[in-house]
Amino acid sequence: MVFKLSSSQKLTNDRYPVVYRNNVRFARPPPSNSSRSPSAEKLIVEFMEKAWELPKPNLVISVTGRMERFKWPSLRARYDFQRG
C-alpha cells in the first residue's frame, strides 16, 4: 500500500481517501469494504500502522452510532472505554 501527499496536502492512497478536519485525520473506507470480511480488519490495521503511524493494536472494535444518545452506566465505565 502506497501513501502519498496530494497537491492539497492530504494523505491519500488508492484504497482510503483521508481528509483532515481541525488537524484530525479521518479515513473513509470504500463502501464495498464489509467490516465482517476477514480482509477488512487487516486493511484497517495496515492503514492505522502506515497512515497514522500507530503500533499494531491487540484488538479492533467497531463502534457505530452517536455518543450523545448513549448513557454511560458510570463515569468509571466511560473513563475505562476512553483509555482503551
PDB file of N, CA and C in Angstrom:
ATOM      1  N   MET A   1       0.840  -1.160   0.000  1.00  0.00           N
ATOM      2  CA  MET A   1       0.000   0.000   0.000  1.00  0.00           C
ATOM      3  C   MET A   1       0.891   1.230   0.000  1.00  0.00           C
ATOM      4  N   VAL A   2       0.651   2.153  -0.889  1.00  0.00           N
ATOM      5  CA  VAL A   2       1.475   3.349  -1.010  1.00  0.00           C
ATOM      6  C   VAL A   2       0.651   4.563  -0.601  1.00  0.00           C
ATOM      7  N   PHE A   3       1.207   5.358   0.304  1.00  0.00           N
ATOM      8  CA  PHE A   3       0.558   6.589   0.742  1.00  0.00           C
ATOM      9  C   PHE A   3       1.344   7.765   0.195  1.00  0.00           C
ATOM     10  N   LYS A   4       0.680   8.814  -0.174  1.00  0.00           N
ATOM     11  CA  LYS A   4       1.357   9.985  -0.716  1.00  0.00           C
ATOM     12  C   LYS A   4       0.582  11.243  -0.351  1.00  0.00           C
ATOM     13  N   LEU A   5       1.254  12.370  -0.400  1.00  0.00           N
ATOM     14  CA  LEU A   5       0.589  13.652  -0.183  1.00  0.00           C
ATOM     15  C   LEU A   5       0.149  14.189  -1.531  1.00  0.00           C
ATOM     16  N   SER A   6      -1.108  14.539  -1.635  1.00  0.00           N
ATOM     17  CA  SER A   6      -1.616  15.108  -2.877  1.00  0.00           C
ATOM     18  C   SER A   6      -1.294  16.595  -2.920  1.00  0.00           C
ATOM     19  N   SER A   7      -1.672  17.235  -3.998  1.00  0.00           N
ATOM     20  CA  SER A   7      -1.382  18.662  -4.145  1.00  0.00           C
ATOM     21  C   SER A   7      -2.085  19.494  -3.083  1.00  0.00           C
ATOM     22  N   SER A   8      -3.185  18.999  -2.540  1.00  0.00           N
ATOM     23  CA  SER A   8      -3.888  19.732  -1.483  1.00  0.00           C
ATOM     24  C   SER A   8      -3.362  19.358  -0.096  1.00  0.00           C
ATOM     25  N   GLN A   9      -2.222  18.656  -0.049  1.00  0.00           N
ATOM     26  CA  GLN A   9      -1.572  18.251   1.198  1.00  0.00           C
ATOM     27  C   GLN A   9      -2.452  17.351   2.054  1.00  0.00           C
ATOM     28  N   LYS A  10      -3.189  16.457   1.422  1.00  0.00           N
ATOM     29  CA  LYS A  10      -3.985  15.477   2.143  1.00  0.00           C
ATOM     30  C   LYS A  10      -3.407  14.106   1.844  1.00  0.00           C
ATOM     31  N   LEU A  11      -3.254  13.293   2.867  1.00  0.00           N
ATOM     32  CA  LEU A  11      -2.734  11.948   2.696  1.00  0.00           C
ATOM     33  C   LEU A  11      -3.770  11.125   1.950  1.00  0.00           C
ATOM     34  N   THR A  12      -3.369  10.524   0.840  1.00  0.00           N
ATOM     35  CA  THR A  12      -4.307   9.738   0.049  1.00  0.00           C
ATOM     36  C   THR A  12      -3.645   8.442  -0.385  1.00  0.00           C
ATOM     37  N   ASN A  13      -4.446   7.492  -0.742  1.00  0.00           N
ATOM     38  CA  ASN A  13      -3.981   6.287  -1.406  1.00  0.00           C
ATOM     39  C   ASN A  13      -5.134   5.760  -2.243  1.00  0.00           C
ATOM     40  N   ASP A  14      -4.907   4.654  -2.923  1.00  0.00           N
ATOM     41  CA  ASP A  14      -5.937   4.151  -3.814  1.00  0.00           C
ATOM     42  C   ASP A  14      -7.094   3.494  -3.073  1.00  0.00           C
ATOM     43  N   ARG A  15      -6.911   3.104  -1.819  1.00  0.00           N
ATOM     44  CA  ARG A  15      -7.978   2.422  -1.088  1.00  0.00           C
ATOM     45  C   ARG A  15      -8.746   3.337  -0.144  1.00  0.00           C
ATOM     46  N   TYR A  16      -8.055   4.214   0.539  1.00  0.00           N
ATOM     47  CA  TYR A  16      -8.678   5.026   1.581  1.00  0.00           C
ATOM     48  C   TYR A  16      -8.449   6.510   1.344  1.00  0.00           C
ATOM     49  N   PRO A  17      -9.464   7.248   0.941  1.00  0.00           N
ATOM     50  CA  PRO A  17      -9.286   8.701   0.913  1.00  0.00           C
ATOM     51  C   PRO A  17      -9.250   9.219   2.352  1.00  0.00           C
ATOM     52  N   VAL A  18      -8.317  10.079   2.657  1.00  0.00           N
ATOM     53  CA  VAL A  18      -8.167  10.607   4.009  1.00  0.00           C
ATOM     54  C   VAL A  18      -8.413  12.100   3.962  1.00  0.00           C
ATOM     55  N   VAL A  19      -9.221  12.579   4.875  1.00  0.00           N
ATOM     56  CA  VAL A  19      -9.499  14.009   4.951  1.00  0.00           C
ATOM     57  C   VAL A  19      -9.108  14.521   6.331  1.00  0.00           C
ATOM     58  N   TYR A  20      -8.810  15.792   6.394  1.00  0.00           N
ATOM     59  CA  TYR A  20      -8.437  16.428   7.655  1.00  0.00           C
ATOM     60  C   TYR A  20      -9.517  17.416   8.063  1.00  0.00           C
ATOM     61  N   ARG A  21      -9.906  17.344   9.332  1.00  0.00           N
ATOM     62  CA  ARG A  21     -10.806  18.335   9.918  1.00  0.00           C
ATOM     63  C   ARG A  21     -10.229  18.731  11.261  1.00  0.00           C
ATOM     64  N   ASN A  22      -9.935  20.005  11.431  1.00  0.00           N
ATOM     65  CA  ASN A  22      -9.343  20.506  12.680  1.00  0.00           C
ATOM     66  C   ASN A  22      -8.084  19.732  13.054  1.00  0.00           C
ATOM     67  N   ASN A  23      -7.228  19.492  12.063  1.00  0.00           N
ATOM     68  CA  ASN A  23      -5.959  18.782  12.236  1.00  0.00           C
ATOM     69  C   ASN A  23      -6.126  17.345  12.714  1.00  0.00           C
ATOM     70  N   VAL A  24      -7.280  16.730  12.486  1.00  0.00           N
ATOM     71  CA  VAL A  24      -7.511  15.329  12.829  1.00  0.00           C
ATOM     72  C   VAL A  24      -7.734  14.576  11.530  1.00  0.00           C
ATOM     73  N   ARG A  25      -7.081  13.413  11.399  1.00  0.00           N
ATOM     74  CA  ARG A  25      -7.215  12.614  10.178  1.00  0.00           C
ATOM     75  C   ARG A  25      -8.445  11.718  10.259  1.00  0.00           C
ATOM     76  N   PHE A  26      -9.228  11.697   9.203  1.00  0.00           N
ATOM     77  CA  PHE A  26     -10.373  10.811   9.104  1.00  0.00           C
ATOM     78  C   PHE A  26     -10.235  10.001   7.823  1.00  0.00           C
ATOM     79  N   ALA A  27     -10.416   8.701   7.920  1.00  0.00           N
ATOM     80  CA  ALA A  27     -10.345   7.838   6.741  1.00  0.00           C
ATOM     81  C   ALA A  27     -11.747   7.358   6.410  1.00  0.00           C
ATOM     82  N   ARG A  28     -12.023   7.285   5.141  1.00  0.00           N
ATOM     83  CA  ARG A  28     -13.310   6.769   4.696  1.00  0.00           C
ATOM     84  C   ARG A  28     -13.069   5.533   3.846  1.00  0.00           C
ATOM     85  N   PRO A  29     -13.237   4.326   4.427  1.00  0.00           N
ATOM     86  CA  PRO A  29     -13.058   3.123   3.617  1.00  0.00           C
ATOM     87  C   PRO A  29     -14.126   3.042   2.534  1.00  0.00           C
ATOM     88  N   PRO A  30     -13.827   2.392   1.434  1.00  0.00           N
ATOM     89  CA  PRO A  30     -14.815   2.259   0.372  1.00  0.00           C
ATOM     90  C   PRO A  30     -16.056   1.526   0.869  1.00  0.00           C
ATOM     91  N   PRO A  31     -17.242   1.840   0.366  1.00  0.00           N
ATOM     92  CA  PRO A  31     -18.466   1.187   0.824  1.00  0.00           C
ATOM     93  C   PRO A  31     -18.462  -0.317   0.614  1.00  0.00           C
ATOM     94  N   SER A  32     -17.727  -0.813  -0.365  1.00  0.00           N
ATOM     95  CA  SER A  32     -17.706  -2.251  -0.628  1.00  0.00           C
ATOM     96  C   SER A  32     -16.947  -3.018   0.442  1.00  0.00           C
ATOM     97  N   ASN A  33     -16.229  -2.320   1.301  1.00  0.00           N
ATOM     98  CA  ASN A  33     -15.459  -2.969   2.352  1.00  0.00           C
ATOM     99  C   ASN A  33     -16.378  -3.357   3.499  1.00  0.00           C
ATOM    100  N   SER A  34     -16.662  -4.626   3.639  1.00  0.00           N
ATOM    101  CA  SER A  34     -17.515  -5.084   4.730  1.00  0.00           C
ATOM    102  C   SER A  34     -16.674  -5.284   5.975  1.00  0.00           C
ATOM    103  N   SER A  35     -17.158  -4.808   7.118  1.00  0.00           N
ATOM    104  CA  SER A  35     -16.405  -4.976   8.360  1.00  0.00           C
ATOM    105  C   SER A  35     -16.404  -6.428   8.808  1.00  0.00           C
ATOM    106  N   ARG A  36     -17.231  -7.263   8.199  1.00  0.00           N
ATOM    107  CA  ARG A  36     -17.280  -8.668   8.581  1.00  0.00           C
ATOM    108  C   ARG A  36     -16.301  -9.539   7.800  1.00  0.00           C
ATOM    109  N   SER A  37     -15.760  -9.030   6.726  1.00  0.00           N
ATOM    110  CA  SER A  37     -14.824  -9.840   5.959  1.00  0.00           C
ATOM    111  C   SER A  37     -13.475  -9.863   6.665  1.00  0.00           C
ATOM    112  N   PRO A  38     -12.794 -11.009   6.667  1.00  0.00           N
ATOM    113  CA  PRO A  38     -11.508 -11.108   7.366  1.00  0.00           C
ATOM    114  C   PRO A  38     -10.462 -10.133   6.829  1.00  0.00           C
ATOM    115  N   SER A  39     -10.524  -9.807   5.551  1.00  0.00           N
ATOM    116  CA  SER A  39      -9.519  -8.912   4.994  1.00  0.00           C
ATOM    117  C   SER A  39      -9.746  -7.462   5.415  1.00  0.00           C
ATOM    118  N   ALA A  40     -10.970  -7.096   5.778  1.00  0.00           N
ATOM    119  CA  ALA A  40     -11.257  -5.717   6.188  1.00  0.00           C
ATOM    120  C   ALA A  40     -10.473  -5.352   7.439  1.00  0.00           C
ATOM    121  N   GLU A  41     -10.413  -6.256   8.401  1.00  0.00           N
ATOM    122  CA  GLU A  41      -9.662  -5.984   9.624  1.00  0.00           C
ATOM    123  C   GLU A  41      -8.181  -5.791   9.321  1.00  0.00           C
ATOM    124  N   LYS A  42      -7.656  -6.615   8.440  1.00  0.00           N
ATOM    125  CA  LYS A  42      -6.241  -6.487   8.072  1.00  0.00           C
ATOM    126  C   LYS A  42      -5.973  -5.147   7.400  1.00  0.00           C
ATOM    127  N   LEU A  43      -6.881  -4.718   6.523  1.00  0.00           N
ATOM    128  CA  LEU A  43      -6.718  -3.430   5.854  1.00  0.00           C
ATOM    129  C   LEU A  43      -6.785  -2.274   6.847  1.00  0.00           C
ATOM    130  N   ILE A  44      -7.688  -2.363   7.805  1.00  0.00           N
ATOM    131  CA  ILE A  44      -7.815  -1.306   8.808  1.00  0.00           C
ATOM    132  C   ILE A  44      -6.561  -1.220   9.654  1.00  0.00           C
ATOM    133  N   VAL A  45      -6.049  -2.373  10.096  1.00  0.00           N
ATOM    134  CA  VAL A  45      -4.827  -2.389  10.908  1.00  0.00           C
ATOM    135  C   VAL A  45      -3.647  -1.863  10.095  1.00  0.00           C
ATOM    136  N   GLU A  46      -3.544  -2.281   8.840  1.00  0.00           N
ATOM    137  CA  GLU A  46      -2.459  -1.800   7.981  1.00  0.00           C
ATOM    138  C   GLU A  46      -2.546  -0.288   7.797  1.00  0.00           C
ATOM    139  N   PHE A  47      -3.760   0.217   7.613  1.00  0.00           N
ATOM    140  CA  PHE A  47      -3.943   1.658   7.466  1.00  0.00           C
ATOM    141  C   PHE A  47      -3.529   2.398   8.737  1.00  0.00           C
ATOM    142  N   MET A  48      -3.912   1.873   9.890  1.00  0.00           N
ATOM    143  CA  MET A  48      -3.548   2.508  11.165  1.00  0.00           C
ATOM    144  C   MET A  48      -2.033   2.559  11.329  1.00  0.00           C
ATOM    145  N   GLU A  49      -1.359   1.480  10.942  1.00  0.00           N
ATOM    146  CA  GLU A  49       0.098   1.419  11.088  1.00  0.00           C
ATOM    147  C   GLU A  49       0.803   2.351  10.105  1.00  0.00           C
ATOM    148  N   LYS A  50       0.364   2.363   8.844  1.00  0.00           N
ATOM    149  CA  LYS A  50       1.070   3.124   7.812  1.00  0.00           C
ATOM    150  C   LYS A  50       0.686   4.605   7.813  1.00  0.00           C
ATOM    151  N   ALA A  51      -0.604   4.903   7.809  1.00  0.00           N
ATOM    152  CA  ALA A  51      -1.051   6.293   7.681  1.00  0.00           C
ATOM    153  C   ALA A  51      -0.953   7.059   8.991  1.00  0.00           C
ATOM    154  N   TRP A  52      -1.348   6.433  10.072  1.00  0.00           N
ATOM    155  CA  TRP A  52      -1.358   7.131  11.356  1.00  0.00           C
ATOM    156  C   TRP A  52      -0.116   6.836  12.187  1.00  0.00           C
ATOM    157  N   GLU A  53       0.722   5.894  11.707  1.00  0.00           N
ATOM    158  CA  GLU A  53       1.959   5.513  12.396  1.00  0.00           C
ATOM    159  C   GLU A  53       1.699   5.064  13.833  1.00  0.00           C
ATOM    160  N   LEU A  54       0.638   4.271  14.008  1.00  0.00           N
ATOM    161  CA  LEU A  54       0.299   3.720  15.317  1.00  0.00           C
ATOM    162  C   LEU A  54       0.862   2.314  15.433  1.00  0.00           C
ATOM    163  N   PRO A  55       1.142   1.837  16.651  1.00  0.00           N
ATOM    164  CA  PRO A  55       1.572   0.448  16.802  1.00  0.00           C
ATOM    165  C   PRO A  55       0.409  -0.497  16.480  1.00  0.00           C
ATOM    166  N   LYS A  56       0.739  -1.736  16.155  1.00  0.00           N
ATOM    167  CA  LYS A  56      -0.289  -2.716  15.819  1.00  0.00           C
ATOM    168  C   LYS A  56      -1.179  -2.956  17.042  1.00  0.00           C
ATOM    169  N   PRO A  57      -2.503  -2.790  16.890  1.00  0.00           N
ATOM    170  CA  PRO A  57      -3.393  -2.981  18.039  1.00  0.00           C
ATOM    171  C   PRO A  57      -3.598  -4.456  18.349  1.00  0.00           C
ATOM    172  N   ASN A  58      -3.873  -4.749  19.612  1.00  0.00           N
ATOM    173  CA  ASN A  58      -4.209  -6.111  20.018  1.00  0.00           C
ATOM    174  C   ASN A  58      -5.665  -6.432  19.713  1.00  0.00           C
ATOM    175  N   LEU A  59      -6.488  -5.394  19.652  1.00  0.00           N
ATOM    176  CA  LEU A  59      -7.920  -5.570  19.452  1.00  0.00           C
ATOM    177  C   LEU A  59      -8.462  -4.388  18.661  1.00  0.00           C
ATOM    178  N   VAL A  60      -9.340  -4.664  17.707  1.00  0.00           N
ATOM    179  CA  VAL A  60     -10.007  -3.609  16.948  1.00  0.00           C
ATOM    180  C   VAL A  60     -11.502  -3.737  17.208  1.00  0.00           C
ATOM    181  N   ILE A  61     -12.108  -2.650  17.700  1.00  0.00           N
ATOM    182  CA  ILE A  61     -13.543  -2.637  17.991  1.00  0.00           C
ATOM    183  C   ILE A  61     -14.202  -1.610  17.089  1.00  0.00           C
ATOM    184  N   SER A  62     -15.267  -2.007  16.434  1.00  0.00           N
ATOM    185  CA  SER A  62     -16.023  -1.083  15.597  1.00  0.00           C
ATOM    186  C   SER A  62     -17.189  -0.539  16.412  1.00  0.00           C
ATOM    187  N   VAL A  63     -17.209   0.773  16.585  1.00  0.00           N
ATOM    188  CA  VAL A  63     -18.278   1.425  17.342  1.00  0.00           C
ATOM    189  C   VAL A  63     -19.057   2.300  16.376  1.00  0.00           C
ATOM    190  N   THR A  64     -20.357   2.089  16.318  1.00  0.00           N
ATOM    191  CA  THR A  64     -21.200   2.885  15.437  1.00  0.00           C
ATOM    192  C   THR A  64     -22.262   3.597  16.259  1.00  0.00           C
ATOM    193  N   GLY A  65     -22.805   4.627  15.705  1.00  0.00           N
ATOM    194  CA  GLY A  65     -23.854   5.363  16.401  1.00  0.00           C
ATOM    195  C   GLY A  65     -23.328   6.652  16.982  1.00  0.00           C
ATOM    196  N   ARG A  66     -24.178   7.334  17.710  1.00  0.00           N
ATOM    197  CA  ARG A  66     -23.821   8.627  18.282  1.00  0.00           C
ATOM    198  C   ARG A  66     -23.650   8.502  19.790  1.00  0.00           C
ATOM    199  N   MET A  67     -22.601   9.121  20.277  1.00  0.00           N
ATOM    200  CA  MET A  67     -22.343   9.098  21.715  1.00  0.00           C
ATOM    201  C   MET A  67     -23.370   9.930  22.484  1.00  0.00           C
ATOM    202  N   GLU A  68     -23.944  10.930  21.864  1.00  0.00           N
ATOM    203  CA  GLU A  68     -24.860  11.804  22.595  1.00  0.00           C
ATOM    204  C   GLU A  68     -26.109  11.065  23.063  1.00  0.00           C
ATOM    205  N   ARG A  69     -26.437   9.979  22.415  1.00  0.00           N
ATOM    206  CA  ARG A  69     -27.623   9.211  22.818  1.00  0.00           C
ATOM    207  C   ARG A  69     -27.283   8.088  23.791  1.00  0.00           C
ATOM    208  N   PHE A  70     -26.019   7.789  23.956  1.00  0.00           N
ATOM    209  CA  PHE A  70     -25.612   6.686  24.815  1.00  0.00           C
ATOM    210  C   PHE A  70     -25.478   7.170  26.248  1.00  0.00           C
ATOM    211  N   LYS A  71     -26.088   6.456  27.173  1.00  0.00           N
ATOM    212  CA  LYS A  71     -25.978   6.781  28.596  1.00  0.00           C
ATOM    213  C   LYS A  71     -24.987   5.810  29.228  1.00  0.00           C
ATOM    214  N   TRP A  72     -23.872   6.338  29.706  1.00  0.00           N
ATOM    215  CA  TRP A  72     -22.870   5.501  30.355  1.00  0.00           C
ATOM    216  C   TRP A  72     -23.417   5.004  31.687  1.00  0.00           C
ATOM    217  N   PRO A  73     -23.180   3.727  32.009  1.00  0.00           N
ATOM    218  CA  PRO A  73     -23.662   3.218  33.299  1.00  0.00           C
ATOM    219  C   PRO A  73     -22.959   3.892  34.479  1.00  0.00           C
ATOM    220  N   SER A  74     -21.727   4.330  34.246  1.00  0.00           N
ATOM    221  CA  SER A  74     -20.983   5.030  35.298  1.00  0.00           C
ATOM    222  C   SER A  74     -19.871   5.846  34.649  1.00  0.00           C
ATOM    223  N   LEU A  75     -19.358   6.810  35.381  1.00  0.00           N
ATOM    224  CA  LEU A  75     -18.223   7.582  34.878  1.00  0.00           C
ATOM    225  C   LEU A  75     -16.994   6.699  34.735  1.00  0.00           C
ATOM    226  N   ARG A  76     -16.869   5.705  35.598  1.00  0.00           N
ATOM    227  CA  ARG A  76     -15.736   4.775  35.534  1.00  0.00           C
ATOM    228  C   ARG A  76     -15.752   4.004  34.207  1.00  0.00           C
ATOM    229  N   ALA A  77     -16.923   3.545  33.780  1.00  0.00           N
ATOM    230  CA  ALA A  77     -17.041   2.811  32.512  1.00  0.00           C
ATOM    231  C   ALA A  77     -16.637   3.704  31.344  1.00  0.00           C
ATOM    232  N   ARG A  78     -17.084   4.952  31.383  1.00  0.00           N
ATOM    233  CA  ARG A  78     -16.720   5.897  30.323  1.00  0.00           C
ATOM    234  C   ARG A  78     -15.216   6.129  30.304  1.00  0.00           C
ATOM    235  N   TYR A  79     -14.631   6.341  31.456  1.00  0.00           N
ATOM    236  CA  TYR A  79     -13.191   6.576  31.563  1.00  0.00           C
ATOM    237  C   TYR A  79     -12.410   5.364  31.054  1.00  0.00           C
ATOM    238  N   ASP A  80     -12.817   4.166  31.453  1.00  0.00           N
ATOM    239  CA  ASP A  80     -12.129   2.946  31.008  1.00  0.00           C
ATOM    240  C   ASP A  80     -12.228   2.774  29.498  1.00  0.00           C
ATOM    241  N   PHE A  81     -13.384   3.091  28.922  1.00  0.00           N
ATOM    242  CA  PHE A  81     -13.551   2.981  27.473  1.00  0.00           C
ATOM    243  C   PHE A  81     -12.643   3.961  26.750  1.00  0.00           C
ATOM    244  N   GLN A  82     -12.560   5.190  27.244  1.00  0.00           N
ATOM    245  CA  GLN A  82     -11.727   6.201  26.606  1.00  0.00           C
ATOM    246  C   GLN A  82     -10.248   5.845  26.691  1.00  0.00           C
ATOM    247  N   ARG A  83      -9.831   5.202  27.757  1.00  0.00           N
ATOM    248  CA  ARG A  83      -8.428   4.823  27.925  1.00  0.00           C
ATOM    249  C   ARG A  83      -8.077   3.592  27.106  1.00  0.00           C
ATOM    250  N   GLY A  84      -9.064   2.821  26.731  1.00  0.00           N
ATOM    251  CA  GLY A  84      -8.796   1.619  25.950  1.00  0.00           C
ATOM    252  C   GLY A  84      -8.676   0.447  26.831  1.00  0.00           C
TER     253      GLY A  84
END
